[in-house]
Protein backbone atom coordinates (compact mmCIF):
# COMPACT_ATOMS: atom_id res chain seq x y z
CA MET A 1 -8.33 -4.77 -33.39
CA LYS A 2 -9.64 -7.84 -31.19
CA ASN A 3 -12.70 -7.06 -29.13
CA ASP A 4 -11.14 -7.90 -25.74
CA HIS A 5 -8.09 -5.63 -26.02
CA THR A 6 -7.38 -3.67 -22.86
CA LEU A 7 -5.51 0.00 -22.89
CA ILE A 8 -4.11 0.65 -19.28
CA ILE A 9 -2.71 4.31 -18.75
CA GLY A 10 -0.31 4.33 -15.67
CA GLY A 11 2.57 1.59 -15.41
CA GLY A 12 2.64 1.66 -11.57
CA ILE A 13 2.72 -1.20 -9.22
CA VAL A 14 -1.20 -1.41 -9.64
CA GLY A 15 -1.41 -0.79 -13.49
CA ALA A 16 1.79 -3.40 -14.24
CA SER A 17 -0.32 -6.05 -12.01
CA LEU A 18 -3.11 -5.84 -14.04
CA ALA A 19 -1.28 -5.93 -17.06
CA LEU A 20 0.24 -9.14 -16.19
CA LYS A 21 -2.99 -10.57 -14.90
CA LEU A 22 -4.84 -9.73 -18.14
CA ALA A 23 -1.62 -11.08 -20.28
CA GLN A 24 -1.72 -14.56 -18.40
CA ALA A 25 -5.02 -14.82 -19.33
CA LYS A 26 -3.92 -14.48 -23.20
CA ARG A 27 -6.14 -11.30 -23.17
CA PRO A 28 -4.21 -8.74 -25.22
CA VAL A 29 -3.03 -5.55 -23.21
CA THR A 30 -1.30 -2.46 -23.82
CA LEU A 31 0.49 -0.72 -21.01
CA VAL A 32 1.18 3.07 -21.62
CA ASP A 33 3.83 4.27 -18.70
CA ALA A 34 4.85 8.05 -19.09
CA ARG A 35 7.66 7.63 -17.27
CA PRO A 36 11.13 7.47 -19.30
CA LYS A 37 12.32 3.88 -20.19
CA ARG A 38 14.84 2.52 -17.79
CA ASP A 39 17.36 -0.35 -18.52
CA ASP A 40 18.78 -2.76 -15.87
CA ALA A 41 21.74 -0.29 -14.89
CA HIS A 42 19.29 2.16 -14.25
CA TRP A 43 17.46 -0.28 -11.60
CA GLN A 44 20.72 -1.77 -9.86
CA ASP A 45 21.42 2.16 -9.38
CA LYS A 46 18.22 2.67 -7.70
CA LEU A 47 18.48 -0.90 -5.62
CA SER A 48 22.04 0.11 -4.40
CA GLN A 49 20.40 2.60 -2.33
CA ARG A 50 17.77 1.84 1.05
CA ASP A 51 14.60 3.44 0.18
CA ALA A 52 12.91 4.94 3.34
CA ARG A 53 9.48 4.17 2.03
CA VAL A 54 8.07 0.60 2.13
CA TYR A 55 4.52 -0.96 1.19
CA ALA A 56 3.22 -3.28 3.90
CA LEU A 57 1.80 -5.98 1.59
CA SER A 58 -1.21 -8.09 2.94
CA LEU A 59 -1.46 -11.97 2.61
CA ALA A 60 -3.92 -11.09 -0.21
CA SER A 61 -1.54 -8.59 -2.40
CA ILE A 62 1.52 -11.15 -2.12
CA GLY A 63 -0.92 -13.99 -3.22
CA LEU A 64 -1.60 -11.56 -6.33
CA LEU A 65 1.92 -10.90 -6.88
CA THR A 66 2.75 -14.66 -6.86
CA ASP A 67 0.06 -15.25 -9.37
CA ILE A 68 1.38 -12.98 -11.77
CA GLY A 69 5.01 -14.56 -11.16
CA VAL A 70 6.26 -11.26 -9.44
CA TRP A 71 6.65 -12.11 -5.81
CA GLN A 72 8.97 -14.96 -6.39
CA LYS A 73 11.46 -12.71 -8.05
CA ILE A 74 10.87 -10.53 -4.88
CA ALA A 75 11.35 -13.03 -2.66
CA ALA A 76 14.65 -14.41 -4.26
CA SER A 77 15.91 -11.03 -3.91
CA GLU A 78 15.88 -10.84 -0.36
CA ARG A 79 14.68 -7.49 -0.02
CA LYS A 80 11.83 -7.85 1.78
CA ALA A 81 11.11 -7.80 5.47
CA ASP A 82 8.06 -10.43 6.73
CA TYR A 83 6.25 -9.32 9.72
CA SER A 84 4.28 -12.04 12.12
CA GLN A 85 3.09 -9.16 14.46
CA MET A 86 1.46 -5.71 14.69
CA GLN A 87 1.71 -3.66 17.90
CA VAL A 88 -0.44 -0.41 18.61
CA TRP A 89 -0.23 1.72 21.76
CA GLN A 90 -1.14 5.25 22.25
CA LEU A 91 0.93 7.77 24.39
CA ASN A 92 -0.02 7.63 28.20
CA GLY A 93 -2.69 5.16 27.20
CA ILE A 94 -3.62 1.90 29.38
CA GLY A 95 -2.99 -0.85 27.37
CA GLU A 96 -1.84 -1.76 23.76
CA LEU A 97 -3.16 -4.32 21.31
CA LYS A 98 -0.67 -6.83 19.83
CA PHE A 99 -2.01 -8.88 16.48
CA GLY A 100 -0.42 -11.93 15.43
CA ASP A 101 1.24 -15.15 16.95
CA ASP A 102 0.58 -14.17 20.60
CA CYS A 103 -2.43 -12.11 20.50
CA ALA A 104 -4.64 -14.71 22.02
CA ASP A 105 -2.48 -14.11 24.78
CA ASN A 106 -2.69 -10.12 25.10
CA LYS A 107 -3.44 -9.28 28.42
CA GLY A 108 -4.01 -5.67 27.89
CA THR A 109 -1.69 -4.35 30.47
CA ASP A 110 -1.78 -1.14 31.92
CA ASN A 111 2.07 -0.38 31.04
CA LYS A 112 3.15 -0.72 27.21
CA GLY A 113 6.51 -1.18 28.33
CA THR A 114 9.57 -2.37 25.80
CA ASP A 115 9.55 -6.32 26.70
CA ASN A 116 10.20 -7.44 22.78
CA ASN A 117 10.42 -11.10 24.16
CA ALA A 118 6.62 -11.95 22.77
CA THR A 119 7.41 -10.94 19.19
CA GLY A 120 10.61 -12.77 18.51
CA ASN A 121 11.23 -14.92 15.87
CA ASN A 122 11.77 -17.88 17.43
CA GLU A 123 8.06 -17.86 19.04
CA LYS A 124 5.83 -20.59 17.97
CA GLY A 125 2.90 -19.69 15.60
CA THR A 126 -0.59 -20.27 16.41
CA GLU A 127 -0.57 -23.68 14.60
CA GLY A 128 2.12 -24.62 16.68
CA SER A 129 4.87 -24.63 14.08
CA ASP A 130 8.25 -23.13 14.74
CA THR A 131 7.69 -20.71 12.35
CA PRO A 132 5.72 -17.63 13.36
CA LYS A 133 2.33 -17.04 11.34
CA LEU A 134 3.01 -14.30 8.66
CA LEU A 135 0.74 -11.22 8.53
CA GLY A 136 2.52 -9.88 5.53
CA SER A 137 5.98 -8.37 4.26
CA MET A 138 7.31 -4.82 3.97
CA VAL A 139 8.79 -4.18 0.76
CA GLU A 140 10.18 -1.11 -0.79
CA PRO A 141 8.61 0.31 -3.87
CA THR A 142 11.71 -0.09 -6.22
CA VAL A 143 11.88 -3.56 -5.21
CA ILE A 144 8.34 -4.32 -6.40
CA GLU A 145 8.72 -2.02 -9.69
CA TYR A 146 11.93 -3.91 -10.82
CA ALA A 147 10.43 -7.06 -10.19
CA LEU A 148 7.39 -6.15 -12.47
CA TRP A 149 9.67 -4.68 -15.04
CA GLN A 150 11.11 -7.91 -15.42
CA ARG A 151 8.26 -9.94 -15.61
CA LEU A 152 6.69 -7.64 -18.35
CA PHE A 153 8.98 -8.79 -20.67
CA GLU A 154 9.01 -12.23 -20.19
CA ASP A 155 8.32 -14.82 -23.20
CA ASP A 156 5.03 -16.15 -21.55
CA VAL A 157 3.59 -13.26 -21.52
CA SER A 158 4.96 -10.85 -24.33
CA ASP A 159 2.37 -11.86 -26.93
CA TYR A 160 -0.16 -10.72 -25.38
CA LEU A 161 1.43 -7.77 -23.84
CA THR A 162 2.79 -4.37 -25.19
CA VAL A 163 4.54 -1.98 -23.20
CA ILE A 164 4.90 1.63 -24.29
CA ALA A 165 7.26 3.94 -21.82
CA GLY A 166 8.17 7.62 -22.05
CA HIS A 167 5.16 8.69 -23.56
CA LYS A 168 2.27 10.82 -22.35
CA VAL A 169 -1.16 10.72 -23.38
CA MET A 170 -2.44 13.74 -24.86
CA GLN A 171 -5.85 12.97 -26.10
CA MET A 172 -8.78 10.81 -25.01
CA ASP A 173 -11.56 9.83 -27.54
CA TRP A 174 -14.63 7.75 -26.79
CA LEU A 175 -15.88 6.12 -30.04
CA GLY A 176 -18.54 4.27 -28.97
CA SER A 177 -19.55 1.33 -27.07
CA GLU A 178 -18.68 -1.19 -29.83
CA GLN A 179 -15.34 0.54 -30.21
CA GLY A 180 -14.43 1.84 -27.06
CA TYR A 181 -11.44 4.76 -26.66
CA ARG A 182 -8.66 6.04 -28.94
CA ILE A 183 -5.88 7.83 -27.15
CA THR A 184 -3.51 9.96 -28.71
CA LEU A 185 0.10 9.91 -27.34
CA ASP A 186 2.70 12.96 -27.60
CA ASN A 187 4.41 11.12 -30.62
CA GLU A 188 1.21 11.21 -32.21
CA THR A 189 0.69 7.58 -31.73
CA ALA A 190 -2.74 6.52 -31.71
CA ILE A 191 -4.28 3.30 -30.00
CA GLU A 192 -7.66 2.02 -29.81
CA ALA A 193 -9.23 -0.64 -27.42
CA ASN A 194 -12.14 -1.88 -25.98
CA LEU A 195 -11.50 -0.81 -22.38
CA LEU A 196 -9.70 2.00 -20.87
CA VAL A 197 -8.25 1.43 -17.53
CA GLY A 198 -7.00 4.76 -15.46
CA SER A 199 -4.38 3.68 -13.16
CA ASP A 200 -2.25 6.92 -13.45
CA GLY A 201 -2.45 7.83 -9.73
CA ARG A 202 -3.82 10.59 -7.68
CA GLY A 203 -4.10 13.49 -10.23
CA SER A 204 -5.09 10.99 -12.67
CA PHE A 205 -5.72 12.35 -16.54
CA VAL A 206 -7.98 9.63 -17.17
CA ARG A 207 -10.31 10.40 -14.40
CA ARG A 208 -10.12 14.21 -15.12
CA GLN A 209 -10.84 13.60 -19.02
CA ALA A 210 -13.82 11.32 -18.16
CA GLY A 211 -15.04 14.28 -16.37
CA ILE A 212 -15.58 12.18 -12.91
CA GLU A 213 -15.64 14.41 -10.20
CA LEU A 214 -13.69 13.49 -6.81
CA ASP A 215 -14.34 14.21 -3.34
CA THR A 216 -11.34 15.37 -1.00
CA LEU A 217 -10.36 15.61 2.59
CA ASP A 218 -7.56 17.65 3.62
CA TYR A 219 -6.25 16.23 6.82
CA LYS A 220 -4.18 19.25 7.33
CA GLN A 221 -0.88 16.82 8.31
CA THR A 222 2.17 16.02 6.87
CA ALA A 223 3.85 12.58 6.93
CA ILE A 224 7.75 12.53 7.52
CA CYS A 225 9.50 9.67 5.98
CA CYS A 226 13.00 8.54 6.73
CA ALA A 227 14.83 5.11 7.37
CA ILE A 228 16.09 4.46 10.92
CA LYS A 229 18.76 2.47 12.38
CA THR A 230 17.81 1.43 16.18
CA ALA A 231 19.82 0.21 19.13
CA LYS A 232 17.16 -2.62 19.57
CA PRO A 233 16.36 -5.21 16.68
CA HIS A 234 12.05 -4.72 15.30
CA GLN A 235 11.97 -8.40 15.58
CA ALA A 236 9.42 -9.02 12.70
CA THR A 237 7.07 -6.46 14.39
CA ALA A 238 5.32 -3.77 12.62
CA ARG A 239 4.94 -0.93 15.38
CA GLN A 240 2.48 2.31 15.54
CA ALA A 241 1.83 4.77 17.88
CA MET A 242 -0.95 6.58 18.30
CA LEU A 243 0.02 9.94 19.49
CA PRO A 244 -1.65 13.41 20.17
CA THR A 245 -0.12 14.95 17.06
CA GLY A 246 -1.02 11.58 14.83
CA THR A 247 0.39 8.10 14.25
CA LEU A 248 4.10 7.21 14.18
CA ALA A 249 4.90 4.13 11.97
CA LEU A 250 7.69 2.13 12.76
CA LEU A 251 8.03 -0.63 10.04
CA PRO A 252 10.87 -3.45 9.46
CA LEU A 253 13.03 -2.88 6.62
CA ALA A 254 14.65 -5.40 4.58
CA ASP A 255 18.41 -6.13 5.81
CA ILE A 256 20.55 -5.10 2.51
CA THR A 257 24.21 -4.67 3.39
CA ASP A 258 26.62 -7.43 4.63
CA GLU A 259 26.96 -5.27 8.06
CA ASP A 260 23.05 -5.22 8.29
CA LYS A 261 23.01 -9.18 7.84
CA VAL A 262 25.55 -9.97 10.62
CA ASN A 263 23.47 -7.72 12.75
CA PRO A 264 20.03 -7.89 11.23
CA GLN A 265 16.73 -6.36 11.96
CA HIS A 266 17.96 -2.98 13.14
CA TRP A 267 16.29 -1.19 10.12
CA GLN A 268 13.09 0.91 10.13
CA SER A 269 10.96 2.77 7.87
CA VAL A 270 9.30 5.49 9.81
CA VAL A 271 6.04 7.46 8.59
CA TRP A 272 5.56 10.30 11.26
CA THR A 273 2.29 12.06 10.93
CA LEU A 274 2.23 15.71 12.14
CA PRO A 275 0.25 18.76 11.73
CA ARG A 276 1.38 20.53 9.01
CA ASN A 277 3.39 23.65 10.64
CA GLN A 278 4.93 21.20 13.34
CA ALA A 279 6.53 19.21 10.34
CA LEU A 280 7.85 22.11 8.41
CA GLU A 281 9.55 23.30 11.65
CA LEU A 282 10.80 19.85 12.08
CA GLU A 283 11.93 19.51 8.35
CA ILE A 284 14.36 22.27 8.69
CA GLN A 285 16.42 20.61 11.95
CA GLU A 286 19.52 19.00 11.62
CA PRO A 287 19.08 15.03 10.89
CA ARG A 288 20.72 14.41 14.49
CA ILE A 289 17.85 16.31 16.08
CA ILE A 290 15.08 14.81 14.20
CA ALA A 291 16.43 11.55 14.97
CA ASP A 292 16.26 12.42 18.78
CA LYS A 293 13.25 13.99 18.66
CA LEU A 294 11.88 10.52 16.79
CA ALA A 295 13.18 8.29 19.64
CA ALA A 296 11.55 10.42 22.14
CA ALA A 297 8.27 10.23 20.52
CA SER A 298 8.48 6.51 20.42
CA THR A 299 9.16 6.63 23.75
CA TYR A 300 12.41 4.86 23.08
CA GLU A 301 10.41 1.82 21.84
CA LEU A 302 13.25 0.41 19.98
CA GLY A 303 16.07 2.38 22.19
CA ALA A 304 18.20 5.30 20.83
CA ILE A 305 18.19 6.01 16.53
CA ASN A 306 21.64 5.23 15.72
CA GLN A 307 21.58 6.22 12.04
CA ILE A 308 18.90 8.33 10.17
CA GLU A 309 18.68 8.25 6.29
CA SER A 310 16.73 9.59 3.17
CA ILE A 311 14.09 12.15 5.03
CA ALA A 312 11.24 13.21 3.10
CA SER A 313 7.79 14.30 3.54
CA PHE A 314 4.28 14.72 1.45
CA PRO A 315 1.02 16.31 2.64
CA LEU A 316 -2.05 13.75 3.87
CA MET A 317 -5.16 14.20 2.08
CA ALA A 318 -7.68 11.50 1.41
CA GLN A 319 -9.80 10.92 -1.88
CA GLN A 320 -12.22 8.90 -3.58
CA ALA A 321 -13.67 9.13 -7.02
CA ARG A 322 -17.26 9.70 -7.14
CA ASN A 323 -17.58 7.19 -9.83
CA TYR A 324 -15.14 4.19 -10.83
CA VAL A 325 -16.52 3.90 -13.99
CA ALA A 326 -18.04 5.19 -17.15
CA ASP A 327 -18.75 3.72 -20.93
CA ASN A 328 -15.66 1.57 -21.60
CA LEU A 329 -13.53 3.18 -18.65
CA VAL A 330 -12.63 1.75 -15.50
CA LEU A 331 -10.33 3.52 -12.44
CA ILE A 332 -8.21 1.26 -10.47
CA GLY A 333 -6.09 2.03 -7.50
CA ASP A 334 -4.67 5.55 -6.58
CA ALA A 335 -7.03 7.17 -9.46
CA ALA A 336 -9.98 5.75 -7.92
CA HIS A 337 -9.30 6.24 -4.37
CA GLY A 338 -6.27 7.35 -1.49
CA VAL A 339 -6.66 7.01 2.12
CA HIS A 340 -4.74 8.08 5.25
CA PRO A 341 -1.71 5.93 5.64
CA LEU A 342 -1.99 5.17 9.01
CA ALA A 343 -2.80 1.41 8.46
CA GLY A 344 -0.60 1.06 5.26
CA GLN A 345 -3.35 0.26 3.31
CA GLY A 346 -3.36 2.09 -0.04
CA LEU A 347 -1.32 -0.24 -2.20
CA ASN A 348 -3.33 -2.98 -0.74
CA LEU A 349 -6.78 -1.77 -1.68
CA GLY A 350 -5.28 -1.10 -4.99
CA MET A 351 -4.43 -4.62 -5.46
CA LEU A 352 -7.62 -5.71 -4.34
CA ASP A 353 -9.11 -3.53 -7.42
CA VAL A 354 -6.77 -5.37 -9.53
CA GLN A 355 -8.20 -9.07 -8.37
CA ALA A 356 -12.19 -8.00 -8.39
CA LEU A 357 -11.40 -6.10 -12.04
CA SER A 358 -9.91 -9.04 -13.55
CA ASP A 359 -11.79 -11.84 -11.95
CA GLN A 360 -15.39 -9.93 -13.25
CA LEU A 361 -13.62 -9.06 -16.39
CA GLU A 362 -13.08 -12.79 -17.23
CA HIS A 363 -16.23 -14.34 -15.67
CA ASP A 364 -18.51 -12.00 -17.93
CA PHE A 365 -16.48 -12.65 -21.02
CA ALA A 366 -16.90 -16.18 -20.87
CA ARG A 367 -20.69 -15.90 -19.74
CA SER A 368 -21.38 -13.83 -23.01
CA GLY A 369 -19.30 -16.56 -25.41
CA GLY A 370 -16.54 -14.42 -25.84
CA LYS A 371 -18.31 -11.23 -27.02
CA LEU A 372 -18.33 -8.71 -24.37
CA TRP A 373 -15.40 -7.50 -22.62
CA GLY A 374 -15.57 -4.40 -20.57
CA ALA A 375 -19.46 -4.15 -20.67
CA ASN A 376 -21.11 -1.84 -18.76
CA GLN A 377 -22.70 -4.34 -16.47
CA THR A 378 -19.19 -5.57 -15.99
CA LEU A 379 -17.86 -2.38 -14.68
CA ARG A 380 -20.80 -1.37 -12.63
CA THR A 381 -20.37 -4.74 -10.75
CA TYR A 382 -16.81 -4.17 -10.43
CA GLU A 383 -18.07 -0.72 -8.88
CA ARG A 384 -20.51 -2.25 -6.36
CA MET A 385 -17.82 -4.38 -5.73
CA ARG A 386 -14.84 -2.16 -4.46
CA ARG A 387 -16.12 1.63 -3.96
CA PRO A 388 -18.27 0.67 -1.04
CA HIS A 389 -15.32 -1.17 0.51
CA ASN A 390 -12.73 1.35 -0.37
CA SER A 391 -15.27 4.15 1.11
CA LEU A 392 -15.35 2.43 4.40
CA MET A 393 -11.86 2.17 4.56
CA MET A 394 -11.17 5.78 3.73
CA HIS A 395 -13.78 6.66 6.49
CA SER A 396 -12.37 4.65 9.04
CA PHE A 397 -8.72 5.66 8.78
CA SER A 398 -10.12 9.16 8.89
CA ALA A 399 -12.26 8.47 11.97
CA LEU A 400 -9.32 6.59 13.77
CA ASN A 401 -6.86 9.68 12.94
CA TRP A 402 -10.03 12.07 14.33
CA LEU A 403 -10.07 9.63 17.58
CA PHE A 404 -6.81 10.20 18.40
CA ALA A 405 -5.16 12.88 16.80
CA GLY A 406 -6.18 17.01 17.26
CA GLU A 407 -7.56 18.94 20.13
CA PHE A 408 -11.00 17.26 20.20
CA ALA A 409 -8.84 13.70 20.75
CA GLN A 410 -7.08 15.00 23.95
CA LEU A 411 -10.50 15.92 26.00
CA ARG A 412 -10.52 13.92 28.89
CA PRO A 413 -13.68 12.16 28.12
CA ILE A 414 -12.60 10.88 24.75
CA GLN A 415 -9.03 9.75 26.40
CA GLN A 416 -11.25 7.63 28.91
CA LEU A 417 -13.34 6.19 26.14
CA ARG A 418 -9.96 5.39 24.16
CA ASN A 419 -8.30 4.06 26.96
CA GLU A 420 -11.44 1.47 28.10
CA GLY A 421 -11.80 0.75 24.46
CA MET A 422 -8.35 -0.38 23.77
CA SER A 423 -8.15 -2.27 27.21
CA ARG A 424 -11.72 -4.15 26.49
CA VAL A 425 -10.46 -5.25 22.72
CA SER A 426 -7.15 -6.53 23.57
CA LYS A 427 -8.91 -9.13 26.13
CA ILE A 428 -11.50 -10.38 23.43
CA LYS A 429 -9.48 -13.25 21.73
CA PRO A 430 -11.80 -13.98 18.53
CA LEU A 431 -12.16 -9.93 17.85
CA MET A 432 -8.33 -9.89 18.02
CA ARG A 433 -8.00 -12.81 15.85
CA LEU A 434 -10.17 -11.09 13.27
CA PHE A 435 -8.45 -7.82 13.42
CA ALA A 436 -5.32 -9.84 12.40
CA LYS A 437 -7.24 -11.59 9.90
CA GLN A 438 -8.23 -8.11 8.16
CA ALA A 439 -4.79 -6.89 8.39
CA SER A 440 -3.64 -9.64 6.21
CA GLY A 441 -6.26 -9.10 3.66
CA VAL A 442 -7.49 -12.80 3.63
């Protein structure tokens, strides 16, 4: 066994991205994915359907996917919806925030309105170009996963990357700091590696087996997701309404049919956060009733909802591992942290984990003369880089949710404070540019 072997448990987007990053650097890596093996026919069947969910990929995440040769495949598929602006408003509030091309001209008006001229694709970007400045891109999970799956088996990485699909990890044994871990799969296959990476989601087996405790926060909210076709086009704008019941996000979806492409930009992905009991009552309604209530909740920002598909829901909780690392072991992505979806940053935080961990592993391995891979000092440095940042993001999103939703948020002094704050912030051009930069992740 080479002394720089890495074993990644969890073949989702974050785990597969780390595997490719390491394999491209010519580091031997084994990726174990409990999900069944999938062939191209499986992927084509899934891709033929519109997914109600999207990931709001930041420029930093797009940069990482480009580095590992994945974004090129996503771009070629045309299954992405770039966005050049973000619009945030509150119900019955004074003013709104717009981030992007026209943020410097944001007037903080007293009426939200539905004037979409400022968000059109023919606007000039901030650098004077005819092309709007990109803030990020909305991509369906299946589209990203398919591009990763294709890339995992290409010749330039196959000499360093082993993919094991359809098998679960049944046992983890620490062999000491010199040898690392041995895992045993459900088919009794044993694999050893110097470094074990847990990228196996919120219910992480790796985290639990390592005895790492978890702090959780139940928002007592449920997110309803669906895909909708609206009367008005989204015009490359990600929208979010801060409502008393929770956030309502309207996110651009890629046009996938010939009919879509003739009349583009009318499909949106919805994430509608509601108190749990209200969500349960809404879920049992007919789709047409849900569509009408959704249009009303958005104050018809994009007009009526003409079609609604793929209605689903999930409970909202935030969580943070108390430690990201142990001897020869590290957590990334949802195994380490999970945040409220109101800012769409969950996957982006995981991709920043990938970049930070891979960079630190390479830096310390080179500095040790090729002797130390995944040493405690390396892992602790990664933890110091990522845990405070992820913790800040988690608590910031929780604070925003608390500030806008719930009984306390509807007290008049809090409403006045919010209104005045949004109005003032919208007029500070450097601050608006900073927010836009933070949203892009670069």
